[in-house]
Amino acid sequence: MTYSEYGKKVVHCAHCQSKDVRRRMTKVRIAKSDESRLESAADDFSGMGGIENDPKALAHMMRKMGNEMGEELPSEFNDVVDRLEAGQSPEEIESAIPDLGLDDSGEE
């Protein structure tokens, strides 16, 4: 039932037809801006100095931030995160995927 119908429409229990019913609220979803979602994800990792030296922690942060974006990310993103989770350093990944970060024209 919508908020405008509440108190105006007679409601019965779907199982026993009783009029003795209580309102049940559904879950509420709060929309956040891209900026606030990224800030929230970054706050989770703010105390992790030296994260660049820990590929698995870096992968965890990247995956969380990627999920916070709520957008379709390129397949290369998952490839990089998978490699970080496997323990590869960013330098090793760059050498294994030399055209990473380039668009179709070969430019950054």
C-alpha atoms as a PDB file:
ATOM      1  CA  MET A   1       0.000   0.000   0.000  1.00  0.00           C
ATOM      2  CA  THR A   2       1.265   3.460  -0.745  1.00  0.00           C
ATOM      3  CA  TYR A   3       1.646   6.225   1.829  1.00  0.00           C
ATOM      4  CA  SER A   4      -1.333   8.057   0.346  1.00  0.00           C
ATOM      5  CA  GLU A   5      -3.539   4.959   0.785  1.00  0.00           C
ATOM      6  CA  TYR A   6      -2.523   4.457   4.424  1.00  0.00           C
ATOM      7  CA  GLY A   7      -5.400   5.198   6.800  1.00  0.00           C
ATOM      8  CA  LYS A   8      -7.873   5.518   3.942  1.00  0.00           C
ATOM      9  CA  LYS A   9      -8.024   1.957   2.665  1.00  0.00           C
ATOM     10  CA  VAL A  10      -9.357  -0.927   4.776  1.00  0.00           C
ATOM     11  CA  VAL A  11      -6.770  -3.669   5.075  1.00  0.00           C
ATOM     12  CA  HIS A  12      -7.284  -7.330   5.901  1.00  0.00           C
ATOM     13  CA  CYS A  13      -4.788 -10.068   6.673  1.00  0.00           C
ATOM     14  CA  ALA A  14      -4.079 -12.039   3.512  1.00  0.00           C
ATOM     15  CA  HIS A  15      -4.125 -15.309   5.498  1.00  0.00           C
ATOM     16  CA  CYS A  16      -7.032 -15.031   7.963  1.00  0.00           C
ATOM     17  CA  GLN A  17      -8.886 -11.911   6.724  1.00  0.00           C
ATOM     18  CA  SER A  18      -8.580 -10.260  10.158  1.00  0.00           C
ATOM     19  CA  LYS A  19      -8.767  -6.461  10.359  1.00  0.00           C
ATOM     20  CA  ASP A  20      -6.249  -6.543  13.240  1.00  0.00           C
ATOM     21  CA  VAL A  21      -3.152  -5.821  11.169  1.00  0.00           C
ATOM     22  CA  ARG A  22      -0.057  -3.670  11.651  1.00  0.00           C
ATOM     23  CA  ARG A  23       1.869  -1.739   9.107  1.00  0.00           C
ATOM     24  CA  ARG A  24       5.120  -3.365   8.044  1.00  0.00           C
ATOM     25  CA  MET A  25       7.843  -1.176   6.600  1.00  0.00           C
ATOM     26  CA  THR A  26       9.961  -2.333   3.720  1.00  0.00           C
ATOM     27  CA  LYS A  27      13.691  -1.742   3.548  1.00  0.00           C
ATOM     28  CA  VAL A  28      14.768   1.757   2.691  1.00  0.00           C
ATOM     29  CA  ARG A  29      17.549   2.398   0.233  1.00  0.00           C
ATOM     30  CA  ILE A  30      19.488   5.633   0.510  1.00  0.00           C
ATOM     31  CA  ALA A  31      20.916   6.996  -2.693  1.00  0.00           C
ATOM     32  CA  LYS A  32      24.435   8.391  -2.463  1.00  0.00           C
ATOM     33  CA  SER A  33      26.353  10.486  -4.931  1.00  0.00           C
ATOM     34  CA  ASP A  34      29.379   8.966  -6.655  1.00  0.00           C
ATOM     35  CA  GLU A  35      31.578  11.262  -4.605  1.00  0.00           C
ATOM     36  CA  SER A  36      30.099  10.237  -1.252  1.00  0.00           C
ATOM     37  CA  ARG A  37      30.282   6.526  -2.160  1.00  0.00           C
ATOM     38  CA  LEU A  38      33.959   6.855  -3.033  1.00  0.00           C
ATOM     39  CA  GLU A  39      34.651   8.880   0.110  1.00  0.00           C
ATOM     40  CA  SER A  40      32.940   6.199   2.182  1.00  0.00           C
ATOM     41  CA  ALA A  41      35.021   3.455   0.576  1.00  0.00           C
ATOM     42  CA  ALA A  42      38.209   5.510   0.946  1.00  0.00           C
ATOM     43  CA  ASP A  43      37.454   6.099   4.655  1.00  0.00           C
ATOM     44  CA  ASP A  44      37.440   2.333   5.170  1.00  0.00           C
ATOM     45  CA  PHE A  45      41.055   2.231   4.008  1.00  0.00           C
ATOM     46  CA  SER A  46      42.348   5.560   5.379  1.00  0.00           C
ATOM     47  CA  GLY A  47      44.526   3.958   8.050  1.00  0.00           C
ATOM     48  CA  MET A  48      46.206   1.533   5.682  1.00  0.00           C
ATOM     49  CA  GLY A  49      49.530   3.232   5.037  1.00  0.00           C
ATOM     50  CA  GLY A  50      51.766   1.261   2.684  1.00  0.00           C
ATOM     51  CA  ILE A  51      48.838  -0.355   0.895  1.00  0.00           C
ATOM     52  CA  GLU A  52      50.813  -0.105  -2.357  1.00  0.00           C
ATOM     53  CA  ASN A  53      53.194  -2.706  -0.906  1.00  0.00           C
ATOM     54  CA  ASP A  54      50.361  -5.139  -0.148  1.00  0.00           C
ATOM     55  CA  PRO A  55      48.781  -6.333  -3.424  1.00  0.00           C
ATOM     56  CA  LYS A  56      45.974  -8.241  -1.685  1.00  0.00           C
ATOM     57  CA  ALA A  57      44.948  -5.226   0.430  1.00  0.00           C
ATOM     58  CA  LEU A  58      45.116  -3.033  -2.673  1.00  0.00           C
ATOM     59  CA  ALA A  59      42.896  -5.525  -4.534  1.00  0.00           C
ATOM     60  CA  HIS A  60      40.402  -5.521  -1.676  1.00  0.00           C
ATOM     61  CA  MET A  61      40.245  -1.718  -1.733  1.00  0.00           C
ATOM     62  CA  MET A  62      39.895  -1.605  -5.526  1.00  0.00           C
ATOM     63  CA  ARG A  63      37.130  -4.223  -5.542  1.00  0.00           C
ATOM     64  CA  LYS A  64      35.212  -2.376  -2.815  1.00  0.00           C
ATOM     65  CA  MET A  65      35.561   0.969  -4.604  1.00  0.00           C
ATOM     66  CA  GLY A  66      34.552  -0.667  -7.890  1.00  0.00           C
ATOM     67  CA  ASN A  67      31.418  -2.058  -6.250  1.00  0.00           C
ATOM     68  CA  GLU A  68      30.649   1.351  -4.743  1.00  0.00           C
ATOM     69  CA  MET A  69      30.689   2.907  -8.205  1.00  0.00           C
ATOM     70  CA  GLY A  70      27.662   0.854  -9.194  1.00  0.00           C
ATOM     71  CA  GLU A  71      28.681   0.979 -12.840  1.00  0.00           C
ATOM     72  CA  GLU A  72      29.888  -1.595 -15.330  1.00  0.00           C
ATOM     73  CA  LEU A  73      33.674  -1.628 -15.191  1.00  0.00           C
ATOM     74  CA  PRO A  74      35.886  -2.793 -18.047  1.00  0.00           C
ATOM     75  CA  SER A  75      37.015  -6.422 -17.993  1.00  0.00           C
ATOM     76  CA  GLU A  76      40.593  -5.214 -17.503  1.00  0.00           C
ATOM     77  CA  PHE A  77      39.592  -3.947 -14.058  1.00  0.00           C
ATOM     78  CA  ASN A  78      38.653  -7.453 -12.896  1.00  0.00           C
ATOM     79  CA  ASP A  79      41.802  -8.864 -14.508  1.00  0.00           C
ATOM     80  CA  VAL A  80      43.989  -6.416 -12.591  1.00  0.00           C
ATOM     81  CA  VAL A  81      42.176  -7.024  -9.289  1.00  0.00           C
ATOM     82  CA  ASP A  82      42.380 -10.809  -9.776  1.00  0.00           C
ATOM     83  CA  ARG A  83      46.127 -10.514 -10.382  1.00  0.00           C
ATOM     84  CA  LEU A  84      46.549  -8.359  -7.257  1.00  0.00           C
ATOM     85  CA  GLU A  85      44.571 -10.896  -5.214  1.00  0.00           C
ATOM     86  CA  ALA A  86      46.938 -13.584  -6.506  1.00  0.00           C
ATOM     87  CA  GLY A  87      49.831 -11.529  -5.094  1.00  0.00           C
ATOM     88  CA  GLN A  88      51.206  -9.877  -8.247  1.00  0.00           C
ATOM     89  CA  SER A  89      52.660  -6.417  -7.700  1.00  0.00           C
ATOM     90  CA  PRO A  90      51.377  -3.432  -9.692  1.00  0.00           C
ATOM     91  CA  GLU A  91      54.732  -3.357 -11.510  1.00  0.00           C
ATOM     92  CA  GLU A  92      54.389  -7.017 -12.530  1.00  0.00           C
ATOM     93  CA  ILE A  93      50.865  -6.359 -13.789  1.00  0.00           C
ATOM     94  CA  GLU A  94      52.004  -3.332 -15.798  1.00  0.00           C
ATOM     95  CA  SER A  95      54.711  -5.368 -17.498  1.00  0.00           C
ATOM     96  CA  ALA A  96      52.288  -8.250 -18.189  1.00  0.00           C
ATOM     97  CA  ILE A  97      49.616  -5.920 -19.626  1.00  0.00           C
ATOM     98  CA  PRO A  98      51.597  -3.116 -21.330  1.00  0.00           C
ATOM     99  CA  ASP A  99      48.601  -1.436 -23.009  1.00  0.00           C
ATOM    100  CA  LEU A 100      46.633  -1.178 -19.757  1.00  0.00           C
ATOM    101  CA  GLY A 101      44.932   2.206 -19.449  1.00  0.00           C
ATOM    102  CA  LEU A 102      45.089   3.012 -23.164  1.00  0.00           C
ATOM    103  CA  ASP A 103      41.961   3.671 -25.181  1.00  0.00           C
ATOM    104  CA  ASP A 104      41.221   2.143 -28.599  1.00  0.00           C
ATOM    105  CA  SER A 105      43.462   4.719 -30.316  1.00  0.00           C
ATOM    106  CA  GLY A 106      46.438   3.730 -28.135  1.00  0.00           C
ATOM    107  CA  GLU A 107      46.331   6.953 -26.086  1.00  0.00           C
ATOM    108  CA  GLU A 108      45.924   7.308 -22.333  1.00  0.00           C
END
